[in-house]
C-alpha atoms as a PDB file:
ATOM      1  CA  MET A   1       0.174 -14.774   3.631  1.00  0.00           C
ATOM      2  CA  SER A   2      -3.269 -15.595   2.477  1.00  0.00           C
ATOM      3  CA  SER A   3      -3.462 -16.503  -1.211  1.00  0.00           C
ATOM      4  CA  GLU A   4      -7.001 -15.052  -1.284  1.00  0.00           C
ATOM      5  CA  ALA A   5      -5.983 -11.618  -0.009  1.00  0.00           C
ATOM      6  CA  LEU A   6      -6.432  -8.765  -2.460  1.00  0.00           C
ATOM      7  CA  VAL A   7      -4.261  -6.461  -0.320  1.00  0.00           C
ATOM      8  CA  GLN A   8      -1.311  -7.729   1.710  1.00  0.00           C
ATOM      9  CA  ILE A   9       0.622  -5.400   3.992  1.00  0.00           C
ATOM     10  CA  ARG A  10       3.682  -6.732   5.797  1.00  0.00           C
ATOM     11  CA  ASP A  11       5.607  -4.974   8.577  1.00  0.00           C
ATOM     12  CA  VAL A  12       5.030  -1.522   7.066  1.00  0.00           C
ATOM     13  CA  HIS A  13       6.678   1.501   8.626  1.00  0.00           C
ATOM     14  CA  LYS A  14       6.181   5.081   7.463  1.00  0.00           C
ATOM     15  CA  ASN A  15       8.201   8.027   8.757  1.00  0.00           C
ATOM     16  CA  PHE A  16       7.965  11.698   7.885  1.00  0.00           C
ATOM     17  CA  THR A  17      10.479  14.432   8.614  1.00  0.00           C
ATOM     18  CA  ARG A  18       9.489  17.890   9.809  1.00  0.00           C
ATOM     19  CA  GLY A  19      12.583  20.038  10.169  1.00  0.00           C
ATOM     20  CA  SER A  20      14.937  17.988  12.330  1.00  0.00           C
ATOM     21  CA  GLU A  21      12.074  15.963  13.837  1.00  0.00           C
ATOM     22  CA  ARG A  22      11.339  12.421  12.626  1.00  0.00           C
ATOM     23  CA  ILE A  23       7.691  11.400  12.988  1.00  0.00           C
ATOM     24  CA  GLU A  24       6.829   7.679  12.987  1.00  0.00           C
ATOM     25  CA  VAL A  25       3.294   7.432  11.625  1.00  0.00           C
ATOM     26  CA  LEU A  26       3.058   3.664  11.004  1.00  0.00           C
ATOM     27  CA  LYS A  27       5.050   1.198  13.087  1.00  0.00           C
ATOM     28  CA  GLY A  28       5.110  -2.383  11.824  1.00  0.00           C
ATOM     29  CA  VAL A  29       1.588  -2.632  10.401  1.00  0.00           C
ATOM     30  CA  SER A  30       0.616  -6.024   8.922  1.00  0.00           C
ATOM     31  CA  LEU A  31      -2.793  -6.663   7.386  1.00  0.00           C
ATOM     32  CA  ASP A  32      -4.547  -8.910   4.857  1.00  0.00           C
ATOM     33  CA  ILE A  33      -7.713  -7.728   3.135  1.00  0.00           C
ATOM     34  CA  PRO A  34      -9.468 -10.664   1.434  1.00  0.00           C
ATOM     35  CA  LYS A  35     -11.096 -10.236  -1.966  1.00  0.00           C
ATOM     36  CA  GLY A  36     -14.715  -9.159  -1.596  1.00  0.00           C
ATOM     37  CA  ASP A  37     -14.360  -7.869   1.974  1.00  0.00           C
ATOM     38  CA  TYR A  38     -15.239  -4.372   3.129  1.00  0.00           C
ATOM     39  CA  LEU A  39     -12.985  -2.621   5.592  1.00  0.00           C
ATOM     40  CA  SER A  40     -13.347   0.441   7.808  1.00  0.00           C
ATOM     41  CA  LEU A  41     -10.374   2.293   9.228  1.00  0.00           C
ATOM     42  CA  MET A  42     -11.114   4.051  12.485  1.00  0.00           C
ATOM     43  CA  GLY A  43      -8.922   6.057  14.784  1.00  0.00           C
ATOM     44  CA  PRO A  44      -8.194   9.511  16.077  1.00  0.00           C
ATOM     45  CA  SER A  45      -6.839  12.310  13.928  1.00  0.00           C
ATOM     46  CA  GLY A  46      -3.167  11.743  13.163  1.00  0.00           C
ATOM     47  CA  SER A  47      -3.231   7.989  13.772  1.00  0.00           C
ATOM     48  CA  GLY A  48      -2.165   7.047  10.212  1.00  0.00           C
ATOM     49  CA  LYS A  49      -5.463   6.153   8.500  1.00  0.00           C
ATOM     50  CA  THR A  50      -4.886   8.315   5.421  1.00  0.00           C
ATOM     51  CA  THR A  51      -1.228   7.329   5.280  1.00  0.00           C
ATOM     52  CA  LEU A  52      -2.207   3.650   5.191  1.00  0.00           C
ATOM     53  CA  LEU A  53      -4.792   4.275   2.452  1.00  0.00           C
ATOM     54  CA  ASN A  54      -2.216   6.216   0.413  1.00  0.00           C
ATOM     55  CA  LEU A  55       0.195   3.273   0.691  1.00  0.00           C
ATOM     56  CA  MET A  56      -2.491   0.793  -0.398  1.00  0.00           C
ATOM     57  CA  GLY A  57      -3.418   3.025  -3.339  1.00  0.00           C
ATOM     58  CA  GLY A  58       0.185   3.349  -4.487  1.00  0.00           C
ATOM     59  CA  LEU A  59       0.187   7.109  -3.874  1.00  0.00           C
ATOM     60  CA  ASP A  60       3.041   6.852  -1.384  1.00  0.00           C
ATOM     61  CA  THR A  61       5.768   4.357  -0.502  1.00  0.00           C
ATOM     62  CA  PRO A  62       6.549   2.875   2.896  1.00  0.00           C
ATOM     63  CA  THR A  63       9.767   3.726   4.691  1.00  0.00           C
ATOM     64  CA  ASP A  64      10.097  -0.007   5.224  1.00  0.00           C
ATOM     65  CA  GLY A  65       7.955  -3.075   4.614  1.00  0.00           C
ATOM     66  CA  GLU A  66       5.900  -4.431   1.740  1.00  0.00           C
ATOM     67  CA  VAL A  67       2.545  -3.559   0.160  1.00  0.00           C
ATOM     68  CA  LYS A  68       1.006  -5.929  -2.394  1.00  0.00           C
ATOM     69  CA  VAL A  69      -2.222  -5.464  -4.335  1.00  0.00           C
ATOM     70  CA  ASP A  70      -3.535  -8.471  -6.231  1.00  0.00           C
ATOM     71  CA  GLY A  71      -0.141 -10.157  -5.811  1.00  0.00           C
ATOM     72  CA  LEU A  72       1.837  -7.250  -7.307  1.00  0.00           C
ATOM     73  CA  GLN A  73       4.266  -5.508  -4.987  1.00  0.00           C
ATOM     74  CA  ILE A  74       3.318  -1.857  -5.410  1.00  0.00           C
ATOM     75  CA  SER A  75       5.599  -0.507  -2.700  1.00  0.00           C
ATOM     76  CA  GLY A  76       8.422  -0.277  -5.243  1.00  0.00           C
ATOM     77  CA  LEU A  77       6.511   1.455  -8.064  1.00  0.00           C
ATOM     78  CA  ARG A  78       6.777   5.027  -6.768  1.00  0.00           C
ATOM     79  CA  GLY A  79       9.342   6.200  -9.337  1.00  0.00           C
ATOM     80  CA  SER A  80       7.037   5.247 -12.187  1.00  0.00           C
ATOM     81  CA  LEU A  81       4.035   6.927 -10.581  1.00  0.00           C
ATOM     82  CA  ASP A  82       6.006  10.146  -9.979  1.00  0.00           C
ATOM     83  CA  LYS A  83       6.384  10.545 -13.738  1.00  0.00           C
ATOM     84  CA  GLY A  84       2.619  10.541 -14.186  1.00  0.00           C
ATOM     85  CA  SER A  85       2.393   7.074 -15.740  1.00  0.00           C
ATOM     86  CA  ASP A  86       0.104   4.258 -14.679  1.00  0.00           C
ATOM     87  CA  VAL A  87       2.707   1.481 -14.650  1.00  0.00           C
ATOM     88  CA  GLY A  88       1.357  -0.226 -11.526  1.00  0.00           C
ATOM     89  CA  GLY A  89      -2.247  -0.075 -12.692  1.00  0.00           C
ATOM     90  CA  ALA A  90      -1.241  -1.329 -16.130  1.00  0.00           C
ATOM     91  CA  GLN A  91       0.621  -4.273 -14.591  1.00  0.00           C
ATOM     92  CA  ILE A  92      -2.394  -5.217 -12.471  1.00  0.00           C
ATOM     93  CA  ARG A  93      -4.778  -4.954 -15.464  1.00  0.00           C
ATOM     94  CA  HIS A  94      -2.419  -7.029 -17.646  1.00  0.00           C
ATOM     95  CA  ARG A  95      -2.157  -9.690 -14.969  1.00  0.00           C
ATOM     96  CA  ARG A  96      -5.941  -9.886 -14.600  1.00  0.00           C
ATOM     97  CA  ARG A  97      -6.442 -10.183 -18.374  1.00  0.00           C
ATOM     98  CA  SER A  98      -3.831 -12.908 -18.713  1.00  0.00           C
ATOM     99  CA  GLU A  99      -5.497 -14.843 -15.863  1.00  0.00           C
ATOM    100  CA  GLY A 100      -8.931 -14.430 -17.474  1.00  0.00           C
ATOM    101  CA  ARG A 101     -10.347 -12.127 -14.775  1.00  0.00           C
END
């Protein structure tokens, strides 16, 4: 893992269920996005672009794997976000303030 990466995604899988059908949207995605970089996600409709962005933004949780933003694992914060709080965002802001950023 790069210590300079703002976003770190490791072996992320995301499945959805529709009736009795299981749909695998993301299959083992790993990605580092360094601080200051710009990134474009391209692919056909249904390829998982929005799902990946929702995972990076903490709006959804992976079925398996790890998502970190600024060193904070956000893939486990879903319960707090469901209640309408900003626990993950508050933790990131607190960390930045304590590090003088």
